[in-house]
Amino acid sequence: MIESLSNSKIKYAIKLKQKKYRNQFNQFLVEGKHLVEEAIKSNMVSIIFTTQEETFADIENYLVTIPVMSKLSKLNNDYEIVAICNRPSYDSLSNKILLLDGVQDPGNMGTLIRTAAAFGFETIISESSVDYFNEKVIRSSQGAVFYVNLMEGNIKEFIQNHVEYHIYGTDVLTGLDIRTASFDHSKIAIILGNEGNGVRASIRDLVHTNIHIPMLSTESLNVGIAGGILMYEACKENIK
């Protein structure tokens, strides 16, 4: 049993709570039984720490004390478990892509990842956004982080270098009514912007089709909700 916070594996795990170390070591933490189970299914788990005896086939695992676990996880469950996971790398793009320009709220990011997984947007490319592997993002995604290609990159360069994708954006003034918009392209990308400022002007200029979502009594929607509506409309013909 690991009882000391000075243990090298515990010290390393605690470092992964910071983005700079997640990026440096290409690993991240997952907390809670459901999310760890999802990570195991995805073959991403490197090490497991638990407060109760349990067997994990072929996965390095350690029993830790409650005080040690309290430094790894803030969930305070009866059965506490934390896993160090390997961050996957991807080199292929799906036919439906979500582009995120400066999305900062972890709850919004997690919601968008979960919705992307639900509606076939198997690749997300973000720029200047909250870290995909922030603990709040992971929890909000309900494990969808393990089933979507999560990439970071320059969105303007992506659009310019991948002319095979039809790019959709949003514009409440000039956009097409979403009920009449067509998503009939073999490869599409939907771009969503920062919660306060939207998509940068330099990127908006590259959008092929702008859409607006008609509403009864408000001017705008939360980016997570708007993204969900757009992604559903883009794939609803394929839902059986």
Protein backbone atom coordinates (compact mmCIF):
# COMPACT_ATOMS: atom_id res chain seq x y z
CA MET A 1 0.00 0.00 0.00
CA ILE A 2 1.19 3.51 -0.83
CA GLU A 3 0.91 5.68 2.27
CA SER A 4 3.20 8.60 1.48
CA LEU A 5 2.71 11.62 -0.74
CA SER A 6 6.45 11.48 -1.30
CA ASN A 7 6.07 8.29 -3.32
CA SER A 8 7.44 8.97 -6.81
CA LYS A 9 4.36 7.58 -8.59
CA ILE A 10 2.02 9.73 -6.50
CA LYS A 11 4.13 12.84 -7.05
CA TYR A 12 4.06 12.16 -10.78
CA ALA A 13 0.29 11.63 -10.81
CA ILE A 14 -0.28 14.91 -8.96
CA LYS A 15 1.78 16.72 -11.59
CA LEU A 16 -0.70 15.56 -14.24
CA LYS A 17 -3.31 17.87 -12.73
CA GLN A 18 -1.46 20.65 -14.56
CA LYS A 19 -1.78 21.09 -18.32
CA LYS A 20 1.94 21.71 -18.86
CA TYR A 21 2.79 18.27 -17.46
CA ARG A 22 -0.03 16.57 -19.34
CA ASN A 23 1.43 18.02 -22.53
CA GLN A 24 5.00 17.20 -21.54
CA PHE A 25 4.35 13.55 -20.69
CA ASN A 26 1.36 12.89 -22.98
CA GLN A 27 -0.59 11.45 -20.07
CA PHE A 28 -3.59 12.57 -18.03
CA LEU A 29 -5.65 11.58 -14.99
CA VAL A 30 -9.11 10.03 -14.98
CA GLU A 31 -11.15 9.93 -11.76
CA GLY A 32 -14.11 7.76 -10.80
CA LYS A 33 -15.22 4.19 -11.50
CA HIS A 34 -17.28 4.86 -14.64
CA LEU A 35 -14.62 6.91 -16.40
CA VAL A 36 -11.81 4.53 -15.46
CA GLU A 37 -13.86 1.64 -16.85
CA GLU A 38 -14.31 3.55 -20.11
CA ALA A 39 -10.57 4.24 -20.23
CA ILE A 40 -9.82 0.55 -19.68
CA LYS A 41 -12.16 -0.39 -22.56
CA SER A 42 -10.23 2.04 -24.75
CA ASN A 43 -6.85 0.54 -23.74
CA MET A 44 -5.57 3.90 -22.54
CA VAL A 45 -4.82 3.08 -18.89
CA SER A 46 -1.23 2.95 -17.70
CA ILE A 47 -1.53 2.86 -13.88
CA ILE A 48 -4.46 2.58 -11.47
CA PHE A 49 -4.66 3.79 -7.87
CA THR A 50 -7.54 2.63 -5.66
CA THR A 51 -8.61 2.75 -2.01
CA GLN A 52 -9.95 -0.81 -2.09
CA GLU A 53 -8.47 -4.12 -3.14
CA GLU A 54 -9.33 -5.05 -6.70
CA THR A 55 -7.68 -7.00 -9.49
CA PHE A 56 -6.99 -5.36 -12.83
CA ALA A 57 -5.67 -7.82 -15.39
CA ASP A 58 -2.44 -6.70 -17.06
CA ILE A 59 -2.66 -3.16 -15.62
CA GLU A 60 -0.18 -1.86 -13.06
CA ASN A 61 -2.19 -0.94 -9.98
CA TYR A 62 -1.63 0.22 -6.39
CA LEU A 63 -3.66 0.37 -3.22
CA VAL A 64 -3.41 3.80 -1.60
CA THR A 65 -4.59 5.34 1.66
CA ILE A 66 -7.53 7.75 1.85
CA PRO A 67 -5.22 10.74 2.57
CA VAL A 68 -3.16 9.92 -0.53
CA MET A 69 -6.28 9.49 -2.66
CA SER A 70 -7.58 12.86 -1.43
CA LYS A 71 -4.61 14.47 -3.18
CA LEU A 72 -5.36 12.62 -6.40
CA SER A 73 -9.15 12.97 -6.50
CA LYS A 74 -11.77 15.33 -5.09
CA LEU A 75 -14.75 13.09 -5.82
CA ASN A 76 -15.05 11.73 -2.25
CA ASN A 77 -16.81 8.53 -3.28
CA ASP A 78 -17.01 5.41 -1.09
CA TYR A 79 -14.90 3.60 -3.65
CA GLU A 80 -12.26 5.89 -5.05
CA ILE A 81 -10.19 5.12 -8.10
CA VAL A 82 -7.86 7.18 -10.28
CA ALA A 83 -6.03 6.13 -13.42
CA ILE A 84 -3.08 7.54 -15.28
CA CYS A 85 -3.97 7.30 -18.97
CA ASN A 86 -1.91 7.60 -22.11
CA ARG A 87 -2.94 10.43 -24.38
CA PRO A 88 -3.61 8.97 -27.84
CA SER A 89 -2.27 10.47 -31.04
CA TYR A 90 -4.22 10.61 -34.28
CA ASP A 91 -3.15 11.08 -37.88
CA SER A 92 -6.44 10.55 -39.73
CA LEU A 93 -9.50 12.75 -40.15
CA SER A 94 -13.15 11.73 -40.12
CA ASN A 95 -15.65 12.89 -42.73
CA LYS A 96 -17.41 15.05 -40.13
CA ILE A 97 -15.21 17.39 -38.09
CA LEU A 98 -15.90 19.87 -35.31
CA LEU A 99 -13.63 22.94 -35.25
CA LEU A 100 -13.45 24.84 -31.95
CA ASP A 101 -12.00 28.34 -31.92
CA GLY A 102 -11.29 29.48 -28.37
CA VAL A 103 -13.90 27.50 -26.43
CA GLN A 104 -12.89 28.14 -22.82
CA ASP A 105 -15.53 26.66 -20.53
CA PRO A 106 -14.77 23.04 -19.48
CA GLY A 107 -18.48 22.22 -19.27
CA ASN A 108 -19.06 23.43 -22.82
CA MET A 109 -16.04 21.51 -24.09
CA GLY A 110 -17.16 18.31 -22.40
CA THR A 111 -20.68 18.71 -23.76
CA LEU A 112 -19.38 19.28 -27.28
CA ILE A 113 -17.12 16.22 -27.12
CA ARG A 114 -19.99 14.06 -25.88
CA THR A 115 -22.34 15.38 -28.58
CA ALA A 116 -19.72 14.96 -31.29
CA ALA A 117 -19.36 11.30 -30.33
CA ALA A 118 -23.14 10.88 -30.41
CA PHE A 119 -23.60 12.36 -33.87
CA GLY A 120 -20.63 10.99 -35.77
CA PHE A 121 -18.21 13.92 -35.56
CA GLU A 122 -15.32 11.62 -34.81
CA THR A 123 -12.63 14.31 -35.07
CA ILE A 124 -12.41 17.57 -33.14
CA ILE A 125 -9.72 20.15 -33.86
CA SER A 126 -9.37 22.98 -31.37
CA GLU A 127 -7.27 26.11 -31.21
CA SER A 128 -6.73 28.31 -28.13
CA SER A 129 -9.33 26.30 -26.22
CA VAL A 130 -9.51 24.67 -22.81
CA ASP A 131 -7.48 21.47 -22.54
CA TYR A 132 -9.41 18.37 -23.64
CA PHE A 133 -7.97 16.48 -20.66
CA ASN A 134 -8.85 19.00 -17.99
CA GLU A 135 -10.58 16.98 -15.22
CA LYS A 136 -13.81 18.98 -15.58
CA VAL A 137 -13.86 18.44 -19.34
CA ILE A 138 -13.40 14.70 -18.91
CA ARG A 139 -16.25 14.48 -16.40
CA SER A 140 -18.56 16.61 -18.55
CA SER A 141 -17.85 14.40 -21.56
CA GLN A 142 -18.96 11.31 -19.59
CA GLY A 143 -16.13 9.31 -21.14
CA ALA A 144 -16.59 10.49 -24.73
CA VAL A 145 -12.98 11.75 -24.68
CA PHE A 146 -12.01 8.13 -25.24
CA TYR A 147 -14.03 7.80 -28.45
CA VAL A 148 -13.30 10.98 -30.40
CA ASN A 149 -10.07 11.99 -32.17
CA LEU A 150 -9.08 15.03 -30.13
CA MET A 151 -6.57 17.18 -31.99
CA GLU A 152 -5.12 20.67 -31.65
CA GLY A 153 -4.11 22.79 -34.60
CA ASN A 154 -4.33 26.01 -36.54
CA ILE A 155 -7.92 26.22 -37.77
CA LYS A 156 -7.22 28.72 -40.54
CA GLU A 157 -4.47 26.49 -41.93
CA PHE A 158 -6.71 23.44 -41.67
CA ILE A 159 -9.42 25.10 -43.75
CA GLN A 160 -6.93 26.35 -46.33
CA ASN A 161 -5.17 22.98 -46.60
CA HIS A 162 -8.29 20.79 -46.68
CA VAL A 163 -10.41 22.20 -49.46
CA GLU A 164 -12.34 18.93 -49.64
CA TYR A 165 -14.27 19.96 -46.52
CA HIS A 166 -17.34 22.19 -46.74
CA ILE A 167 -17.14 24.59 -43.78
CA TYR A 168 -20.26 25.61 -41.85
CA GLY A 169 -20.41 28.51 -39.43
CA THR A 170 -23.13 30.53 -37.70
CA ASP A 171 -24.39 34.05 -38.32
CA VAL A 172 -27.59 35.33 -36.73
CA LEU A 173 -27.92 38.12 -39.31
CA THR A 174 -27.04 36.56 -42.66
CA GLY A 175 -27.06 32.82 -42.00
CA LEU A 176 -29.45 30.40 -43.65
CA ASP A 177 -32.32 29.15 -41.52
CA ILE A 178 -31.09 25.80 -40.23
CA ARG A 179 -34.38 24.22 -41.31
CA THR A 180 -33.57 24.95 -44.95
CA ALA A 181 -29.79 24.48 -44.86
CA SER A 182 -28.30 21.52 -46.69
CA PHE A 183 -25.53 19.36 -45.24
CA ASP A 184 -25.31 17.29 -48.41
CA HIS A 185 -21.52 17.15 -48.72
CA SER A 186 -19.28 14.09 -48.36
CA LYS A 187 -16.96 15.93 -45.98
CA ILE A 188 -18.07 18.71 -43.68
CA ALA A 189 -16.72 20.74 -40.77
CA ILE A 190 -18.72 22.85 -38.33
CA ILE A 191 -16.90 25.70 -36.62
CA LEU A 192 -17.86 27.11 -33.23
CA GLY A 193 -16.23 30.00 -31.41
CA ASN A 194 -15.45 31.52 -28.05
CA GLU A 195 -18.32 31.91 -25.60
CA GLY A 196 -17.99 35.69 -25.52
CA ASN A 197 -16.45 36.69 -28.83
CA GLY A 198 -17.46 33.96 -31.24
CA VAL A 199 -15.27 32.87 -34.14
CA ARG A 200 -12.42 35.19 -35.09
CA ALA A 201 -13.05 37.37 -38.13
CA SER A 202 -10.07 35.93 -40.01
CA ILE A 203 -11.67 32.49 -39.80
CA ARG A 204 -15.26 33.62 -40.39
CA ASP A 205 -14.14 34.88 -43.79
CA LEU A 206 -13.27 31.29 -44.79
CA VAL A 207 -16.68 29.79 -43.99
CA HIS A 208 -18.60 28.44 -46.99
CA THR A 209 -22.09 28.37 -45.49
CA ASN A 210 -23.38 30.32 -42.50
CA ILE A 211 -26.44 29.13 -40.60
CA HIS A 212 -28.68 30.62 -37.96
CA ILE A 213 -30.93 28.82 -35.49
CA PRO A 214 -34.34 30.55 -35.22
CA MET A 215 -35.39 31.25 -31.62
CA LEU A 216 -38.50 32.63 -29.96
CA SER A 217 -37.17 35.10 -27.44
CA THR A 218 -33.40 35.19 -27.03
CA GLU A 219 -30.51 36.43 -29.15
CA SER A 220 -28.06 33.58 -28.75
CA LEU A 221 -27.54 30.06 -27.43
CA ASN A 222 -24.86 28.52 -25.25
CA VAL A 223 -22.14 27.18 -27.55
CA GLY A 224 -22.66 23.63 -26.30
CA ILE A 225 -26.39 23.75 -27.10
CA ALA A 226 -25.87 25.43 -30.48
CA GLY A 227 -23.22 22.88 -31.39
CA GLY A 228 -25.55 20.04 -30.48
CA ILE A 229 -28.33 21.37 -32.69
CA LEU A 230 -25.97 21.88 -35.62
CA MET A 231 -24.39 18.44 -35.32
CA TYR A 232 -27.78 16.76 -35.05
CA GLU A 233 -29.07 18.52 -38.15
CA ALA A 234 -25.92 17.53 -40.03
CA CYS A 235 -26.39 13.84 -39.37
CA LYS A 236 -30.12 13.32 -38.75
CA GLU A 237 -30.65 11.71 -42.17
CA ASN A 238 -28.30 8.92 -41.09
CA ILE A 239 -30.03 8.25 -37.78
CA LYS A 240 -32.22 5.15 -38.02
